[in-house]
Amino acid sequence: MSREKVKDEIIAEVVEHIRELICFWESTNKNSLDKLNGLAFSILAALDGSADALPSFIIAPRPHPEDKQFNIKKGINYYPENHLLDEVIKADIAGELHENFYRVREGSVDNIVKKGNRRLEELHKQLLKK
């Protein structure tokens, strides 16, 4: 029986997807700058919803509650506040992604790519069953 994914699962999936992207771009024959540009673009595309295994994600500023008044006093433009949405948004993964990321080691690139491919194949099989 299907269920709604919990925050920890979503964090794990996003971090794993980024690790897979790192491995993909590392395995290309491009120069360092092209690899970095490709990785950045791929992460942004995933957040926009262009990845097979992930939905799009809400990305909105959530400044410190005192930032607005501080910036007004300094004559600086400030970010919109979205604190009222904190109780409405389910499974907000912001603030914990970097804590769940660990470095991709050189020897693990092939294994991570294979694992990601298997996960996508399983997802496609599940979708085709319906």
N, C-alpha and C. Protein backbone atom coordinates (compact mmCIF):
# COMPACT_ATOMS: atom_id res chain seq x y z
N MET A 1 0.85 -1.18 0.00
CA MET A 1 0.00 0.00 0.00
C MET A 1 0.89 1.24 0.00
N SER A 2 0.56 2.18 -0.82
CA SER A 2 1.39 3.38 -0.90
C SER A 2 1.09 4.34 0.25
N ARG A 3 2.03 5.21 0.52
CA ARG A 3 1.90 6.19 1.59
C ARG A 3 2.69 7.43 1.22
N GLU A 4 2.44 8.49 1.94
CA GLU A 4 3.19 9.73 1.73
C GLU A 4 4.60 9.56 2.29
N LYS A 5 5.59 10.00 1.53
CA LYS A 5 6.97 9.91 1.99
C LYS A 5 7.21 10.88 3.13
N VAL A 6 8.09 10.47 4.05
CA VAL A 6 8.43 11.33 5.18
C VAL A 6 9.67 12.15 4.85
N LYS A 7 9.89 13.18 5.63
CA LYS A 7 10.98 14.13 5.40
C LYS A 7 12.34 13.45 5.26
N ASP A 8 12.65 12.51 6.14
CA ASP A 8 13.95 11.83 6.09
C ASP A 8 14.15 11.07 4.78
N GLU A 9 13.10 10.46 4.28
CA GLU A 9 13.18 9.75 3.00
C GLU A 9 13.47 10.72 1.86
N ILE A 10 12.80 11.84 1.90
CA ILE A 10 12.96 12.84 0.83
C ILE A 10 14.38 13.40 0.85
N ILE A 11 14.87 13.71 2.04
CA ILE A 11 16.25 14.20 2.16
C ILE A 11 17.21 13.17 1.59
N ALA A 12 17.04 11.91 1.96
CA ALA A 12 17.93 10.85 1.47
C ALA A 12 17.88 10.75 -0.05
N GLU A 13 16.69 10.85 -0.63
CA GLU A 13 16.56 10.76 -2.08
C GLU A 13 17.23 11.94 -2.79
N VAL A 14 17.05 13.13 -2.26
CA VAL A 14 17.66 14.32 -2.88
C VAL A 14 19.18 14.23 -2.79
N VAL A 15 19.69 13.89 -1.62
CA VAL A 15 21.15 13.80 -1.45
C VAL A 15 21.71 12.70 -2.33
N GLU A 16 21.04 11.56 -2.39
CA GLU A 16 21.51 10.46 -3.25
C GLU A 16 21.49 10.88 -4.72
N HIS A 17 20.47 11.61 -5.13
CA HIS A 17 20.41 12.08 -6.51
C HIS A 17 21.59 13.01 -6.82
N ILE A 18 21.91 13.88 -5.90
CA ILE A 18 23.05 14.79 -6.10
C ILE A 18 24.36 14.00 -6.17
N ARG A 19 24.48 12.98 -5.33
CA ARG A 19 25.68 12.14 -5.39
C ARG A 19 25.77 11.45 -6.75
N GLU A 20 24.65 10.99 -7.27
CA GLU A 20 24.63 10.36 -8.59
C GLU A 20 25.03 11.36 -9.68
N LEU A 21 24.57 12.59 -9.54
CA LEU A 21 24.95 13.63 -10.51
C LEU A 21 26.45 13.90 -10.46
N ILE A 22 27.00 13.95 -9.26
CA ILE A 22 28.45 14.14 -9.11
C ILE A 22 29.19 13.04 -9.86
N CYS A 23 28.75 11.81 -9.65
CA CYS A 23 29.41 10.67 -10.29
C CYS A 23 29.26 10.73 -11.81
N PHE A 24 28.08 11.10 -12.27
CA PHE A 24 27.88 11.22 -13.72
C PHE A 24 28.84 12.24 -14.31
N TRP A 25 28.87 13.43 -13.73
CA TRP A 25 29.70 14.49 -14.30
C TRP A 25 31.19 14.20 -14.13
N GLU A 26 31.57 13.50 -13.09
CA GLU A 26 32.97 13.12 -12.92
C GLU A 26 33.40 12.14 -14.01
N SER A 27 32.48 11.30 -14.45
CA SER A 27 32.83 10.27 -15.43
C SER A 27 32.86 10.79 -16.87
N THR A 28 32.50 12.05 -17.09
CA THR A 28 32.55 12.61 -18.44
C THR A 28 33.97 13.02 -18.79
N ASN A 29 34.23 13.20 -20.07
CA ASN A 29 35.56 13.61 -20.54
C ASN A 29 35.66 15.12 -20.69
N LYS A 30 34.91 15.86 -19.92
CA LYS A 30 34.91 17.31 -20.02
C LYS A 30 35.95 17.92 -19.08
N ASN A 31 36.28 19.19 -19.30
CA ASN A 31 37.21 19.86 -18.40
C ASN A 31 36.50 20.21 -17.10
N SER A 32 37.25 20.65 -16.12
CA SER A 32 36.69 20.90 -14.78
C SER A 32 35.56 21.92 -14.81
N LEU A 33 35.73 23.00 -15.55
CA LEU A 33 34.70 24.04 -15.60
C LEU A 33 33.40 23.51 -16.21
N ASP A 34 33.53 22.75 -17.30
CA ASP A 34 32.33 22.18 -17.92
C ASP A 34 31.64 21.19 -16.98
N LYS A 35 32.42 20.42 -16.24
CA LYS A 35 31.84 19.48 -15.27
C LYS A 35 31.09 20.24 -14.17
N LEU A 36 31.69 21.30 -13.67
CA LEU A 36 31.04 22.08 -12.61
C LEU A 36 29.77 22.75 -13.12
N ASN A 37 29.85 23.31 -14.33
CA ASN A 37 28.65 23.91 -14.93
C ASN A 37 27.56 22.87 -15.15
N GLY A 38 27.95 21.71 -15.63
CA GLY A 38 26.99 20.63 -15.84
C GLY A 38 26.35 20.17 -14.55
N LEU A 39 27.15 20.03 -13.51
CA LEU A 39 26.63 19.61 -12.21
C LEU A 39 25.66 20.65 -11.66
N ALA A 40 26.05 21.91 -11.71
CA ALA A 40 25.17 22.98 -11.20
C ALA A 40 23.85 22.99 -11.98
N PHE A 41 23.93 22.91 -13.29
CA PHE A 41 22.72 22.89 -14.12
C PHE A 41 21.84 21.69 -13.77
N SER A 42 22.46 20.53 -13.60
CA SER A 42 21.70 19.31 -13.29
C SER A 42 21.00 19.40 -11.95
N ILE A 43 21.66 19.99 -10.95
CA ILE A 43 21.03 20.16 -9.64
C ILE A 43 19.85 21.12 -9.75
N LEU A 44 20.04 22.23 -10.45
CA LEU A 44 18.94 23.19 -10.62
C LEU A 44 17.79 22.56 -11.40
N ALA A 45 18.10 21.78 -12.43
CA ALA A 45 17.06 21.12 -13.21
C ALA A 45 16.29 20.13 -12.34
N ALA A 46 16.99 19.42 -11.46
CA ALA A 46 16.31 18.48 -10.56
C ALA A 46 15.36 19.22 -9.63
N LEU A 47 15.82 20.33 -9.07
CA LEU A 47 14.96 21.11 -8.18
C LEU A 47 13.75 21.68 -8.92
N ASP A 48 13.93 21.95 -10.21
CA ASP A 48 12.84 22.46 -11.05
C ASP A 48 11.85 21.36 -11.45
N GLY A 49 12.20 20.10 -11.18
CA GLY A 49 11.30 19.00 -11.50
C GLY A 49 11.63 18.25 -12.77
N SER A 50 12.82 18.44 -13.31
CA SER A 50 13.19 17.79 -14.57
C SER A 50 13.92 16.46 -14.39
N ALA A 51 14.03 15.98 -13.16
CA ALA A 51 14.67 14.68 -12.91
C ALA A 51 13.60 13.60 -12.87
N ASP A 52 13.91 12.44 -13.41
CA ASP A 52 12.93 11.35 -13.42
C ASP A 52 12.49 10.93 -12.02
N ALA A 53 13.42 10.90 -11.09
CA ALA A 53 13.15 10.31 -9.78
C ALA A 53 12.67 11.31 -8.73
N LEU A 54 12.67 12.59 -9.06
CA LEU A 54 12.31 13.61 -8.06
C LEU A 54 11.25 14.56 -8.61
N PRO A 55 10.38 15.06 -7.73
CA PRO A 55 9.43 16.09 -8.15
C PRO A 55 10.11 17.46 -8.11
N SER A 56 9.41 18.49 -8.52
CA SER A 56 9.97 19.84 -8.32
C SER A 56 9.87 20.19 -6.84
N PHE A 57 10.69 21.12 -6.41
CA PHE A 57 10.71 21.53 -5.00
C PHE A 57 10.42 23.02 -4.89
N ILE A 58 9.74 23.39 -3.82
CA ILE A 58 9.47 24.79 -3.52
C ILE A 58 10.76 25.40 -2.98
N ILE A 59 11.22 26.44 -3.63
CA ILE A 59 12.41 27.15 -3.15
C ILE A 59 12.02 28.60 -2.98
N ALA A 60 11.98 29.04 -1.76
CA ALA A 60 11.57 30.41 -1.45
C ALA A 60 12.43 30.94 -0.32
N PRO A 61 12.71 32.24 -0.30
CA PRO A 61 13.52 32.78 0.78
C PRO A 61 12.79 32.69 2.12
N ARG A 62 13.56 32.41 3.15
CA ARG A 62 13.04 32.42 4.51
C ARG A 62 14.08 33.12 5.38
N PRO A 63 14.12 34.45 5.29
CA PRO A 63 15.14 35.21 6.04
C PRO A 63 14.89 35.16 7.54
N HIS A 64 15.92 35.50 8.27
CA HIS A 64 15.80 35.61 9.73
C HIS A 64 14.71 36.64 10.03
N PRO A 65 13.91 36.42 11.07
CA PRO A 65 12.81 37.36 11.38
C PRO A 65 13.24 38.82 11.56
N GLU A 66 14.48 39.05 11.96
CA GLU A 66 14.95 40.42 12.18
C GLU A 66 15.58 41.06 10.94
N ASP A 67 15.77 40.28 9.88
CA ASP A 67 16.44 40.79 8.68
C ASP A 67 15.72 41.96 8.03
N LYS A 68 14.41 41.88 7.95
CA LYS A 68 13.65 42.93 7.25
C LYS A 68 13.89 44.29 7.90
N GLN A 69 13.70 44.39 9.20
CA GLN A 69 13.89 45.67 9.89
C GLN A 69 15.34 46.13 9.83
N PHE A 70 16.27 45.20 9.97
CA PHE A 70 17.70 45.54 9.88
C PHE A 70 18.01 46.15 8.52
N ASN A 71 17.53 45.50 7.46
CA ASN A 71 17.80 45.99 6.10
C ASN A 71 17.10 47.31 5.82
N ILE A 72 15.88 47.48 6.34
CA ILE A 72 15.17 48.75 6.17
C ILE A 72 15.97 49.88 6.80
N LYS A 73 16.47 49.67 8.01
CA LYS A 73 17.28 50.69 8.70
C LYS A 73 18.54 51.03 7.92
N LYS A 74 19.12 50.04 7.24
CA LYS A 74 20.35 50.25 6.47
C LYS A 74 20.07 50.73 5.05
N GLY A 75 18.80 50.80 4.67
CA GLY A 75 18.46 51.21 3.31
C GLY A 75 18.74 50.15 2.27
N ILE A 76 18.71 48.89 2.70
CA ILE A 76 19.03 47.76 1.82
C ILE A 76 17.74 47.03 1.46
N ASN A 77 17.63 46.60 0.21
CA ASN A 77 16.49 45.79 -0.18
C ASN A 77 16.50 44.49 0.61
N TYR A 78 15.31 43.98 0.92
CA TYR A 78 15.22 42.78 1.76
C TYR A 78 14.40 41.71 1.05
N TYR A 79 14.60 40.48 1.50
CA TYR A 79 13.88 39.34 0.94
C TYR A 79 12.47 39.26 1.52
N PRO A 80 11.53 38.76 0.73
CA PRO A 80 10.18 38.57 1.27
C PRO A 80 10.19 37.51 2.36
N GLU A 81 9.27 37.67 3.30
CA GLU A 81 9.18 36.71 4.41
C GLU A 81 8.15 35.64 4.07
N ASN A 82 8.47 34.42 4.41
CA ASN A 82 7.58 33.30 4.15
C ASN A 82 7.35 32.46 5.39
N HIS A 83 7.56 33.04 6.55
CA HIS A 83 7.46 32.29 7.80
C HIS A 83 6.06 31.75 8.06
N LEU A 84 5.04 32.41 7.53
CA LEU A 84 3.67 31.95 7.73
C LEU A 84 3.41 30.61 7.04
N LEU A 85 4.22 30.28 6.06
CA LEU A 85 4.05 29.03 5.33
C LEU A 85 4.67 27.84 6.05
N ASP A 86 5.47 28.09 7.08
CA ASP A 86 6.16 27.01 7.77
C ASP A 86 5.22 25.89 8.21
N GLU A 87 4.02 26.25 8.64
CA GLU A 87 3.09 25.23 9.12
C GLU A 87 2.28 24.61 8.00
N VAL A 88 2.32 25.19 6.81
CA VAL A 88 1.53 24.69 5.69
C VAL A 88 2.34 23.73 4.83
N ILE A 89 3.61 24.02 4.66
CA ILE A 89 4.46 23.21 3.79
C ILE A 89 4.81 21.91 4.49
N LYS A 90 4.57 20.80 3.80
CA LYS A 90 4.89 19.48 4.35
C LYS A 90 6.29 19.08 3.92
N ALA A 91 7.03 18.47 4.82
CA ALA A 91 8.35 17.88 4.53
C ALA A 91 9.34 18.89 3.97
N ASP A 92 9.45 20.04 4.60
CA ASP A 92 10.43 21.05 4.19
C ASP A 92 11.82 20.50 4.49
N ILE A 93 12.61 20.29 3.45
CA ILE A 93 13.92 19.68 3.63
C ILE A 93 15.05 20.70 3.74
N ALA A 94 14.73 21.97 3.62
CA ALA A 94 15.76 23.01 3.69
C ALA A 94 16.41 23.03 5.07
N GLY A 95 17.69 23.28 5.07
CA GLY A 95 18.43 23.41 6.32
C GLY A 95 19.10 22.13 6.77
N GLU A 96 18.75 21.00 6.17
CA GLU A 96 19.33 19.73 6.59
C GLU A 96 20.06 18.99 5.47
N LEU A 97 19.99 19.50 4.27
CA LEU A 97 20.59 18.78 3.15
C LEU A 97 22.10 18.64 3.31
N HIS A 98 22.77 19.73 3.62
CA HIS A 98 24.24 19.68 3.72
C HIS A 98 24.69 18.78 4.85
N GLU A 99 23.87 18.66 5.90
CA GLU A 99 24.24 17.80 7.03
C GLU A 99 24.15 16.33 6.66
N ASN A 100 23.36 16.00 5.64
CA ASN A 100 23.18 14.62 5.23
C ASN A 100 24.05 14.24 4.03
N PHE A 101 24.82 15.18 3.55
CA PHE A 101 25.71 14.91 2.42
C PHE A 101 27.06 14.44 2.94
N TYR A 102 27.57 13.42 2.33
CA TYR A 102 28.95 13.03 2.60
C TYR A 102 29.67 12.89 1.27
N ARG A 103 30.95 13.12 1.34
CA ARG A 103 31.77 13.22 0.14
C ARG A 103 31.72 11.96 -0.71
N VAL A 104 31.67 12.14 -2.00
CA VAL A 104 31.78 11.02 -2.92
C VAL A 104 33.26 10.69 -3.05
N ARG A 105 33.58 9.46 -2.79
CA ARG A 105 34.98 9.04 -2.88
C ARG A 105 35.26 8.50 -4.29
N GLU A 106 36.49 8.66 -4.71
CA GLU A 106 36.86 8.31 -6.08
C GLU A 106 36.48 6.88 -6.45
N GLY A 107 36.72 5.93 -5.57
CA GLY A 107 36.45 4.53 -5.86
C GLY A 107 34.98 4.17 -5.89
N SER A 108 34.11 5.05 -5.42
CA SER A 108 32.69 4.71 -5.32
C SER A 108 31.85 5.21 -6.49
N VAL A 109 32.46 5.90 -7.43
CA VAL A 109 31.72 6.52 -8.53
C VAL A 109 30.92 5.48 -9.32
N ASP A 110 31.56 4.40 -9.76
CA ASP A 110 30.86 3.40 -10.57
C ASP A 110 29.71 2.75 -9.80
N ASN A 111 29.94 2.43 -8.53
CA ASN A 111 28.89 1.80 -7.72
C ASN A 111 27.69 2.72 -7.54
N ILE A 112 27.94 4.00 -7.33
CA ILE A 112 26.85 4.95 -7.15
C ILE A 112 26.04 5.08 -8.44
N VAL A 113 26.72 5.14 -9.57
CA VAL A 113 26.03 5.23 -10.86
C VAL A 113 25.18 3.98 -11.09
N LYS A 114 25.73 2.80 -10.82
CA LYS A 114 24.98 1.55 -11.00
C LYS A 114 23.76 1.52 -10.08
N LYS A 115 23.95 1.92 -8.83
CA LYS A 115 22.84 1.93 -7.87
C LYS A 115 21.73 2.88 -8.35
N GLY A 116 22.11 4.04 -8.82
CA GLY A 116 21.14 5.00 -9.33
C GLY A 116 20.38 4.47 -10.53
N ASN A 117 21.09 3.80 -11.43
CA ASN A 117 20.43 3.21 -12.60
C ASN A 117 19.44 2.12 -12.20
N ARG A 118 19.84 1.28 -11.22
CA ARG A 118 18.92 0.24 -10.73
C ARG A 118 17.67 0.86 -10.11
N ARG A 119 17.87 1.93 -9.34
CA ARG A 119 16.74 2.60 -8.69
C ARG A 119 15.77 3.17 -9.74
N LEU A 120 16.32 3.77 -10.79
CA LEU A 120 15.46 4.30 -11.86
C LEU A 120 14.73 3.20 -12.61
N GLU A 121 15.41 2.09 -12.86
CA GLU A 121 14.76 0.96 -13.53
C GLU A 121 13.60 0.43 -12.69
N GLU A 122 13.80 0.31 -11.38
CA GLU A 122 12.73 -0.15 -10.49
C GLU A 122 11.56 0.83 -10.49
N LEU A 123 11.87 2.11 -10.46
CA LEU A 123 10.81 3.13 -10.49
C LEU A 123 10.00 3.03 -11.78
N HIS A 124 10.68 2.88 -12.91
CA HIS A 124 9.99 2.77 -14.19
C HIS A 124 9.12 1.51 -14.25
N LYS A 125 9.63 0.40 -13.71
CA LYS A 125 8.84 -0.84 -13.67
C LYS A 125 7.57 -0.64 -12.85
N GLN A 126 7.70 0.02 -11.71
CA GLN A 126 6.53 0.28 -10.87
C GLN A 126 5.51 1.14 -11.60
N LEU A 127 6.00 2.14 -12.31
CA LEU A 127 5.09 3.02 -13.04
C LEU A 127 4.40 2.31 -14.20
N LEU A 128 5.10 1.37 -14.84
CA LEU A 128 4.53 0.65 -15.97
C LEU A 128 3.49 -0.38 -15.53
N LYS A 129 3.57 -0.84 -14.28
CA LYS A 129 2.60 -1.82 -13.76
C LYS A 129 1.20 -1.24 -13.71
N LYS A 130 1.09 0.05 -13.54
CA LYS A 130 -0.22 0.68 -13.31
C LYS A 130 -0.98 0.96 -14.55
